[in-house]
Amino acid sequence: MSDPTLSIVTIARDKKEFEAWRQRLSEQTFDDYEICYSTTDGIPQAWNEAISKANGQIILFTETDTYPLHDDWLETVVDQYSDNADNVVHFGEFRGYNPFNFSNTAVSADLMKQYSLNESYAVGEDSELFARMDKEGVEFEHDLNVPVFHESKSTDKVLSRSFDYGRVKARCAINHGRLGPSKNTDNTTYNSSNRDRVLFFVERIKQVIMSQLASVLFFIGFGIEYISHLISGTNRETE
């Protein structure tokens, strides 16, 4: 039996969460795929385990709280990715801001075999991976014509994680000289209807307020981590 074209990689807290997500794939028109998932403890550890199971030519990262908007989602992703087979391509999500993350992002298996998640990053592990890949010359593309719907995180989770994400970005800046892909907002394509739907979510009052609060916590975390690094470097020099 030949290897599948597509390996869909995801992680879940438990098997029940995974099964609910897998049910959403049952009506997809594309069927030349395998599902590789992990429920192991630790986010980067789970991703690494799930990736290690992949046999497909293309790896599509997704998350269990995402929802395909069309039954040809997988088919379209494979077709679109064939035009950018040497790149990391983020296909977008209806969540407002569309950074490179593991929700709806495709990578060739040959490229992904050269990398693994840094397991010292409890959160923001994808940001660190993409910053490292970008530093080494990997190309990144946005294609927002094949988005998924991604559930918004709860208020407490957004705020609690923003501080940690700030620290992650500071570590990326210190270790890799960048916060993530340097072309994170370049090379973006989307049609007008998708753009309007994204703007609809951005304009929600709650999301705007949450975004501002999260930004404050993010920059506090970033500043603390960066200053701590500078201080520790100074102490080593004076010893």
C-alpha atoms as a PDB file:
ATOM      1  CA  MET A   1       0.000   0.000   0.000  1.00  0.00           C
ATOM      2  CA  SER A   2       1.429   3.389  -1.021  1.00  0.00           C
ATOM      3  CA  ASP A   3       1.860   6.231   1.427  1.00  0.00           C
ATOM      4  CA  PRO A   4      -1.022   8.734   1.608  1.00  0.00           C
ATOM      5  CA  THR A   5      -0.778  12.125  -0.046  1.00  0.00           C
ATOM      6  CA  LEU A   6      -1.710  13.938   3.147  1.00  0.00           C
ATOM      7  CA  SER A   7      -0.936  13.421   6.824  1.00  0.00           C
ATOM      8  CA  ILE A   8      -3.280  15.420   9.048  1.00  0.00           C
ATOM      9  CA  VAL A   9      -1.457  16.100  12.317  1.00  0.00           C
ATOM     10  CA  THR A  10      -3.179  17.255  15.492  1.00  0.00           C
ATOM     11  CA  ILE A  11      -3.022  16.924  19.266  1.00  0.00           C
ATOM     12  CA  ALA A  12      -5.796  16.552  21.816  1.00  0.00           C
ATOM     13  CA  ARG A  13      -6.282  16.530  25.558  1.00  0.00           C
ATOM     14  CA  ASP A  14      -8.006  13.159  25.374  1.00  0.00           C
ATOM     15  CA  LYS A  15      -9.369  10.650  22.877  1.00  0.00           C
ATOM     16  CA  LYS A  16     -12.922  11.975  23.226  1.00  0.00           C
ATOM     17  CA  GLU A  17     -11.845  15.430  22.035  1.00  0.00           C
ATOM     18  CA  PHE A  18     -10.023  13.871  19.111  1.00  0.00           C
ATOM     19  CA  GLU A  19     -12.984  11.733  18.058  1.00  0.00           C
ATOM     20  CA  ALA A  20     -15.285  14.775  18.019  1.00  0.00           C
ATOM     21  CA  TRP A  21     -12.819  16.551  15.736  1.00  0.00           C
ATOM     22  CA  ARG A  22     -12.374  13.546  13.448  1.00  0.00           C
ATOM     23  CA  GLN A  23     -16.126  13.395  12.884  1.00  0.00           C
ATOM     24  CA  ARG A  24     -15.882  16.764  11.146  1.00  0.00           C
ATOM     25  CA  LEU A  25     -13.678  15.211   8.488  1.00  0.00           C
ATOM     26  CA  SER A  26     -16.157  12.503   7.564  1.00  0.00           C
ATOM     27  CA  GLU A  27     -17.839  14.547   4.828  1.00  0.00           C
ATOM     28  CA  GLN A  28     -14.656  15.776   3.142  1.00  0.00           C
ATOM     29  CA  THR A  29     -14.416  14.993  -0.574  1.00  0.00           C
ATOM     30  CA  PHE A  30     -10.696  14.184  -0.321  1.00  0.00           C
ATOM     31  CA  ASP A  31      -9.897  10.792   1.210  1.00  0.00           C
ATOM     32  CA  ASP A  32      -6.225  10.128   0.439  1.00  0.00           C
ATOM     33  CA  TYR A  33      -5.093  11.010   3.942  1.00  0.00           C
ATOM     34  CA  GLU A  34      -4.113   9.589   7.301  1.00  0.00           C
ATOM     35  CA  ILE A  35      -4.694  11.087  10.727  1.00  0.00           C
ATOM     36  CA  CYS A  36      -1.777  11.311  13.148  1.00  0.00           C
ATOM     37  CA  TYR A  37      -2.563  12.499  16.638  1.00  0.00           C
ATOM     38  CA  SER A  38      -1.249  12.421  20.169  1.00  0.00           C
ATOM     39  CA  THR A  39      -2.734  12.914  23.614  1.00  0.00           C
ATOM     40  CA  THR A  40       0.582  12.772  25.472  1.00  0.00           C
ATOM     41  CA  ASP A  41       1.317  15.316  28.201  1.00  0.00           C
ATOM     42  CA  GLY A  42       3.053  18.505  27.123  1.00  0.00           C
ATOM     43  CA  ILE A  43       2.118  20.476  24.011  1.00  0.00           C
ATOM     44  CA  PRO A  44       5.453  20.306  22.117  1.00  0.00           C
ATOM     45  CA  GLN A  45       5.928  16.698  23.217  1.00  0.00           C
ATOM     46  CA  ALA A  46       2.512  15.806  21.800  1.00  0.00           C
ATOM     47  CA  TRP A  47       3.237  17.557  18.505  1.00  0.00           C
ATOM     48  CA  ASN A  48       6.552  15.752  18.141  1.00  0.00           C
ATOM     49  CA  GLU A  49       4.919  12.401  18.777  1.00  0.00           C
ATOM     50  CA  ALA A  50       2.118  13.085  16.286  1.00  0.00           C
ATOM     51  CA  ILE A  51       4.582  14.271  13.631  1.00  0.00           C
ATOM     52  CA  SER A  52       6.694  11.138  14.071  1.00  0.00           C
ATOM     53  CA  LYS A  53       3.722   9.028  12.937  1.00  0.00           C
ATOM     54  CA  ALA A  54       3.279  10.864   9.620  1.00  0.00           C
ATOM     55  CA  ASN A  55       3.870   8.999   6.349  1.00  0.00           C
ATOM     56  CA  GLY A  56       2.240  11.403   3.881  1.00  0.00           C
ATOM     57  CA  GLN A  57       3.880  13.630   1.297  1.00  0.00           C
ATOM     58  CA  ILE A  58       2.272  16.735   2.832  1.00  0.00           C
ATOM     59  CA  ILE A  59       1.777  17.399   6.537  1.00  0.00           C
ATOM     60  CA  LEU A  60      -1.256  19.509   7.409  1.00  0.00           C
ATOM     61  CA  PHE A  61      -1.278  20.823  10.957  1.00  0.00           C
ATOM     62  CA  THR A  62      -4.676  21.475  12.469  1.00  0.00           C
ATOM     63  CA  GLU A  63      -6.247  21.843  15.895  1.00  0.00           C
ATOM     64  CA  THR A  64      -9.208  20.074  17.430  1.00  0.00           C
ATOM     65  CA  ASP A  65     -11.157  23.304  17.984  1.00  0.00           C
ATOM     66  CA  THR A  66     -11.215  24.157  14.266  1.00  0.00           C
ATOM     67  CA  TYR A  67     -14.071  23.539  11.838  1.00  0.00           C
ATOM     68  CA  PRO A  68     -13.855  23.126   8.049  1.00  0.00           C
ATOM     69  CA  LEU A  69     -16.144  25.564   6.251  1.00  0.00           C
ATOM     70  CA  HIS A  70     -16.520  23.441   3.103  1.00  0.00           C
ATOM     71  CA  ASP A  71     -16.478  19.744   2.276  1.00  0.00           C
ATOM     72  CA  ASP A  72     -13.646  20.308  -0.211  1.00  0.00           C
ATOM     73  CA  TRP A  73     -11.342  21.884   2.376  1.00  0.00           C
ATOM     74  CA  LEU A  74      -8.717  19.113   2.250  1.00  0.00           C
ATOM     75  CA  GLU A  75      -8.911  18.772  -1.517  1.00  0.00           C
ATOM     76  CA  THR A  76      -8.360  22.494  -1.983  1.00  0.00           C
ATOM     77  CA  VAL A  77      -5.489  22.611   0.502  1.00  0.00           C
ATOM     78  CA  VAL A  78      -3.673  19.821  -1.365  1.00  0.00           C
ATOM     79  CA  ASP A  79      -4.245  21.514  -4.724  1.00  0.00           C
ATOM     80  CA  GLN A  80      -3.127  24.920  -3.463  1.00  0.00           C
ATOM     81  CA  TYR A  81      -0.116  23.536  -1.637  1.00  0.00           C
ATOM     82  CA  SER A  82       1.195  21.841  -4.777  1.00  0.00           C
ATOM     83  CA  ASP A  83       2.003  25.348  -6.078  1.00  0.00           C
ATOM     84  CA  ASN A  84       4.110  26.146  -2.996  1.00  0.00           C
ATOM     85  CA  ALA A  85       5.586  22.741  -2.245  1.00  0.00           C
ATOM     86  CA  ASP A  86       8.877  24.060  -0.858  1.00  0.00           C
ATOM     87  CA  ASN A  87       7.256  26.524   1.543  1.00  0.00           C
ATOM     88  CA  VAL A  88       5.340  26.605   4.782  1.00  0.00           C
ATOM     89  CA  VAL A  89       1.815  27.732   3.855  1.00  0.00           C
ATOM     90  CA  HIS A  90      -0.761  29.006   6.327  1.00  0.00           C
ATOM     91  CA  PHE A  91      -4.250  28.714   4.847  1.00  0.00           C
ATOM     92  CA  GLY A  92      -5.973  31.026   7.289  1.00  0.00           C
ATOM     93  CA  GLU A  93      -8.627  30.952   9.956  1.00  0.00           C
ATOM     94  CA  PHE A  94     -11.616  33.129  10.758  1.00  0.00           C
ATOM     95  CA  ARG A  95     -10.287  34.549  13.965  1.00  0.00           C
ATOM     96  CA  GLY A  96      -9.250  38.044  12.946  1.00  0.00           C
ATOM     97  CA  TYR A  97      -5.463  38.042  13.109  1.00  0.00           C
ATOM     98  CA  ASN A  98      -3.845  35.312  11.008  1.00  0.00           C
ATOM     99  CA  PRO A  99      -0.331  34.619  12.274  1.00  0.00           C
ATOM    100  CA  PHE A 100       1.596  31.532  11.304  1.00  0.00           C
ATOM    101  CA  ASN A 101       0.574  28.828  13.738  1.00  0.00           C
ATOM    102  CA  PHE A 102      -0.372  25.147  13.712  1.00  0.00           C
ATOM    103  CA  SER A 103      -3.985  25.803  12.769  1.00  0.00           C
ATOM    104  CA  ASN A 104      -4.428  25.047   9.050  1.00  0.00           C
ATOM    105  CA  THR A 105      -0.758  25.125   8.045  1.00  0.00           C
ATOM    106  CA  ALA A 106       0.849  22.799   5.494  1.00  0.00           C
ATOM    107  CA  VAL A 107       4.478  21.716   5.259  1.00  0.00           C
ATOM    108  CA  SER A 108       6.114  19.172   2.960  1.00  0.00           C
ATOM    109  CA  ALA A 109       7.074  15.974   4.760  1.00  0.00           C
ATOM    110  CA  ASP A 110      10.616  16.215   3.401  1.00  0.00           C
ATOM    111  CA  LEU A 111      11.015  19.666   4.951  1.00  0.00           C
ATOM    112  CA  MET A 112       9.375  18.754   8.268  1.00  0.00           C
ATOM    113  CA  LYS A 113      11.675  15.738   8.716  1.00  0.00           C
ATOM    114  CA  GLN A 114      14.514  18.213   9.229  1.00  0.00           C
ATOM    115  CA  TYR A 115      12.858  19.794  12.267  1.00  0.00           C
ATOM    116  CA  SER A 116      11.243  19.012  15.587  1.00  0.00           C
ATOM    117  CA  LEU A 117       9.508  21.115  18.212  1.00  0.00           C
ATOM    118  CA  ASN A 118      11.678  22.548  20.975  1.00  0.00           C
ATOM    119  CA  GLU A 119      10.211  20.865  24.050  1.00  0.00           C
ATOM    120  CA  SER A 120      11.425  23.600  26.397  1.00  0.00           C
ATOM    121  CA  TYR A 121       8.644  25.840  25.027  1.00  0.00           C
ATOM    122  CA  ALA A 122       5.511  24.940  26.988  1.00  0.00           C
ATOM    123  CA  VAL A 123       3.506  27.404  24.845  1.00  0.00           C
ATOM    124  CA  GLY A 124       4.374  29.212  21.635  1.00  0.00           C
ATOM    125  CA  GLU A 125       6.207  26.130  20.407  1.00  0.00           C
ATOM    126  CA  ASP A 126       5.055  26.777  16.841  1.00  0.00           C
ATOM    127  CA  SER A 127       6.330  30.381  16.981  1.00  0.00           C
ATOM    128  CA  GLU A 128       9.773  29.146  17.998  1.00  0.00           C
ATOM    129  CA  LEU A 129       9.789  26.494  15.265  1.00  0.00           C
ATOM    130  CA  PHE A 130       8.789  28.975  12.562  1.00  0.00           C
ATOM    131  CA  ALA A 131      11.329  31.558  13.764  1.00  0.00           C
ATOM    132  CA  ARG A 132      14.022  28.882  13.593  1.00  0.00           C
ATOM    133  CA  MET A 133      12.931  27.754  10.127  1.00  0.00           C
ATOM    134  CA  ASP A 134      12.815  31.337   8.879  1.00  0.00           C
ATOM    135  CA  LYS A 135      16.321  31.969  10.210  1.00  0.00           C
ATOM    136  CA  GLU A 136      17.530  28.999   8.170  1.00  0.00           C
ATOM    137  CA  GLY A 137      15.967  30.294   4.955  1.00  0.00           C
ATOM    138  CA  VAL A 138      12.621  28.455   4.766  1.00  0.00           C
ATOM    139  CA  GLU A 139      10.009  30.433   2.819  1.00  0.00           C
ATOM    140  CA  PHE A 140       6.556  31.192   4.241  1.00  0.00           C
ATOM    141  CA  GLU A 141       3.321  31.987   2.419  1.00  0.00           C
ATOM    142  CA  HIS A 142      -0.174  33.088   3.473  1.00  0.00           C
ATOM    143  CA  ASP A 143      -3.110  31.829   1.415  1.00  0.00           C
ATOM    144  CA  LEU A 144      -6.345  32.865   3.120  1.00  0.00           C
ATOM    145  CA  ASN A 145      -8.600  31.381   0.459  1.00  0.00           C
ATOM    146  CA  VAL A 146      -8.963  28.056   2.310  1.00  0.00           C
ATOM    147  CA  PRO A 147      -9.670  29.133   5.896  1.00  0.00           C
ATOM    148  CA  VAL A 148     -11.164  27.191   8.760  1.00  0.00           C
ATOM    149  CA  PHE A 149     -13.210  28.506  11.653  1.00  0.00           C
ATOM    150  CA  HIS A 150     -11.193  28.472  14.860  1.00  0.00           C
ATOM    151  CA  GLU A 151     -13.042  28.773  18.146  1.00  0.00           C
ATOM    152  CA  SER A 152     -12.074  31.817  20.180  1.00  0.00           C
ATOM    153  CA  LYS A 153     -10.302  31.064  23.416  1.00  0.00           C
ATOM    154  CA  SER A 154     -12.043  31.946  26.649  1.00  0.00           C
ATOM    155  CA  THR A 155     -11.244  35.295  28.250  1.00  0.00           C
ATOM    156  CA  ASP A 156      -9.221  33.797  31.084  1.00  0.00           C
ATOM    157  CA  LYS A 157      -7.171  31.624  28.716  1.00  0.00           C
ATOM    158  CA  VAL A 158      -6.375  34.512  26.363  1.00  0.00           C
ATOM    159  CA  LEU A 159      -5.227  36.739  29.197  1.00  0.00           C
ATOM    160  CA  SER A 160      -3.323  34.033  31.074  1.00  0.00           C
ATOM    161  CA  ARG A 161      -1.441  32.975  27.951  1.00  0.00           C
ATOM    162  CA  SER A 162      -0.639  36.455  26.649  1.00  0.00           C
ATOM    163  CA  PHE A 163       2.028  36.998  29.292  1.00  0.00           C
ATOM    164  CA  ASP A 164       3.608  33.623  28.455  1.00  0.00           C
ATOM    165  CA  TYR A 165       3.493  34.369  24.722  1.00  0.00           C
ATOM    166  CA  GLY A 166       5.318  37.630  25.353  1.00  0.00           C
ATOM    167  CA  ARG A 167       8.115  35.694  27.039  1.00  0.00           C
ATOM    168  CA  VAL A 168       8.163  33.203  24.147  1.00  0.00           C
ATOM    169  CA  LYS A 169       8.542  35.983  21.591  1.00  0.00           C
ATOM    170  CA  ALA A 170      11.369  37.506  23.617  1.00  0.00           C
ATOM    171  CA  ARG A 171      13.181  34.158  23.613  1.00  0.00           C
ATOM    172  CA  CYS A 172      12.671  33.936  19.846  1.00  0.00           C
ATOM    173  CA  ALA A 173      14.142  37.413  19.420  1.00  0.00           C
ATOM    174  CA  ILE A 174      17.115  36.563  21.633  1.00  0.00           C
ATOM    175  CA  ASN A 175      17.845  33.135  20.144  1.00  0.00           C
ATOM    176  CA  HIS A 176      16.872  33.632  16.497  1.00  0.00           C
ATOM    177  CA  GLY A 177      16.863  37.376  15.906  1.00  0.00           C
ATOM    178  CA  ARG A 178      13.182  37.414  14.963  1.00  0.00           C
ATOM    179  CA  LEU A 179       9.752  36.972  16.530  1.00  0.00           C
ATOM    180  CA  GLY A 180       8.554  34.507  13.898  1.00  0.00           C
ATOM    181  CA  PRO A 181       8.593  34.359  10.093  1.00  0.00           C
ATOM    182  CA  SER A 182      10.018  37.640   8.809  1.00  0.00           C
ATOM    183  CA  LYS A 183       7.423  37.628   6.008  1.00  0.00           C
ATOM    184  CA  ASN A 184       4.510  36.936   8.329  1.00  0.00           C
ATOM    185  CA  THR A 185       2.280  39.544   6.675  1.00  0.00           C
ATOM    186  CA  ASP A 186       3.755  39.451   3.163  1.00  0.00           C
ATOM    187  CA  ASN A 187       2.717  37.302   0.209  1.00  0.00           C
ATOM    188  CA  THR A 188      -0.860  37.137   1.465  1.00  0.00           C
ATOM    189  CA  THR A 189      -3.705  36.289  -0.897  1.00  0.00           C
ATOM    190  CA  TYR A 190      -7.410  36.237  -0.153  1.00  0.00           C
ATOM    191  CA  ASN A 191     -10.618  36.946  -1.977  1.00  0.00           C
ATOM    192  CA  SER A 192     -12.940  39.802  -1.035  1.00  0.00           C
ATOM    193  CA  SER A 193     -15.630  37.649   0.590  1.00  0.00           C
ATOM    194  CA  ASN A 194     -13.138  35.998   2.931  1.00  0.00           C
ATOM    195  CA  ARG A 195     -11.620  39.371   3.781  1.00  0.00           C
ATOM    196  CA  ASP A 196     -15.038  40.754   4.712  1.00  0.00           C
ATOM    197  CA  ARG A 197     -15.771  37.751   6.938  1.00  0.00           C
ATOM    198  CA  VAL A 198     -12.457  38.153   8.716  1.00  0.00           C
ATOM    199  CA  LEU A 199     -13.138  41.856   9.285  1.00  0.00           C
ATOM    200  CA  PHE A 200     -16.524  40.972  10.741  1.00  0.00           C
ATOM    201  CA  PHE A 201     -14.833  39.023  13.512  1.00  0.00           C
ATOM    202  CA  VAL A 202     -12.202  41.679  14.082  1.00  0.00           C
ATOM    203  CA  GLU A 203     -14.880  44.315  14.656  1.00  0.00           C
ATOM    204  CA  ARG A 204     -16.538  42.518  17.519  1.00  0.00           C
ATOM    205  CA  ILE A 205     -16.260  44.719  20.592  1.00  0.00           C
ATOM    206  CA  LYS A 206     -15.315  41.919  22.939  1.00  0.00           C
ATOM    207  CA  GLN A 207     -12.474  40.807  20.715  1.00  0.00           C
ATOM    208  CA  VAL A 208     -11.107  44.329  20.437  1.00  0.00           C
ATOM    209  CA  ILE A 209     -11.107  44.774  24.204  1.00  0.00           C
ATOM    210  CA  MET A 210      -9.567  41.354  24.704  1.00  0.00           C
ATOM    211  CA  SER A 211      -6.919  42.102  22.136  1.00  0.00           C
ATOM    212  CA  GLN A 212      -5.876  45.278  23.936  1.00  0.00           C
ATOM    213  CA  LEU A 213      -5.657  43.571  27.312  1.00  0.00           C
ATOM    214  CA  ALA A 214      -3.783  40.654  25.818  1.00  0.00           C
ATOM    215  CA  SER A 215      -1.342  43.030  24.132  1.00  0.00           C
ATOM    216  CA  VAL A 216      -0.528  44.703  27.448  1.00  0.00           C
ATOM    217  CA  LEU A 217       0.196  41.353  29.082  1.00  0.00           C
ATOM    218  CA  PHE A 218       2.161  40.221  26.044  1.00  0.00           C
ATOM    219  CA  PHE A 219       4.509  43.209  26.196  1.00  0.00           C
ATOM    220  CA  ILE A 220       4.922  42.880  29.962  1.00  0.00           C
ATOM    221  CA  GLY A 221       5.967  39.264  29.485  1.00  0.00           C
ATOM    222  CA  PHE A 222       8.249  40.203  26.596  1.00  0.00           C
ATOM    223  CA  GLY A 223       9.913  42.966  28.589  1.00  0.00           C
ATOM    224  CA  ILE A 224      10.476  40.855  31.690  1.00  0.00           C
ATOM    225  CA  GLU A 225      12.013  37.999  29.712  1.00  0.00           C
ATOM    226  CA  TYR A 226      14.238  40.282  27.638  1.00  0.00           C
ATOM    227  CA  ILE A 227      15.427  42.335  30.619  1.00  0.00           C
ATOM    228  CA  SER A 228      16.112  39.150  32.580  1.00  0.00           C
ATOM    229  CA  HIS A 229      18.280  37.944  29.717  1.00  0.00           C
ATOM    230  CA  LEU A 230      20.226  41.219  29.618  1.00  0.00           C
ATOM    231  CA  ILE A 231      20.749  41.204  33.391  1.00  0.00           C
ATOM    232  CA  SER A 232      21.907  37.588  33.437  1.00  0.00           C
ATOM    233  CA  GLY A 233      24.318  38.369  30.588  1.00  0.00           C
ATOM    234  CA  THR A 234      25.719  41.349  32.486  1.00  0.00           C
ATOM    235  CA  ASN A 235      26.180  39.286  35.640  1.00  0.00           C
ATOM    236  CA  ARG A 236      28.144  36.651  33.745  1.00  0.00           C
ATOM    237  CA  GLU A 237      30.428  39.332  32.301  1.00  0.00           C
ATOM    238  CA  THR A 238      31.231  40.802  35.746  1.00  0.00           C
ATOM    239  CA  GLU A 239      32.002  37.474  37.423  1.00  0.00           C
END
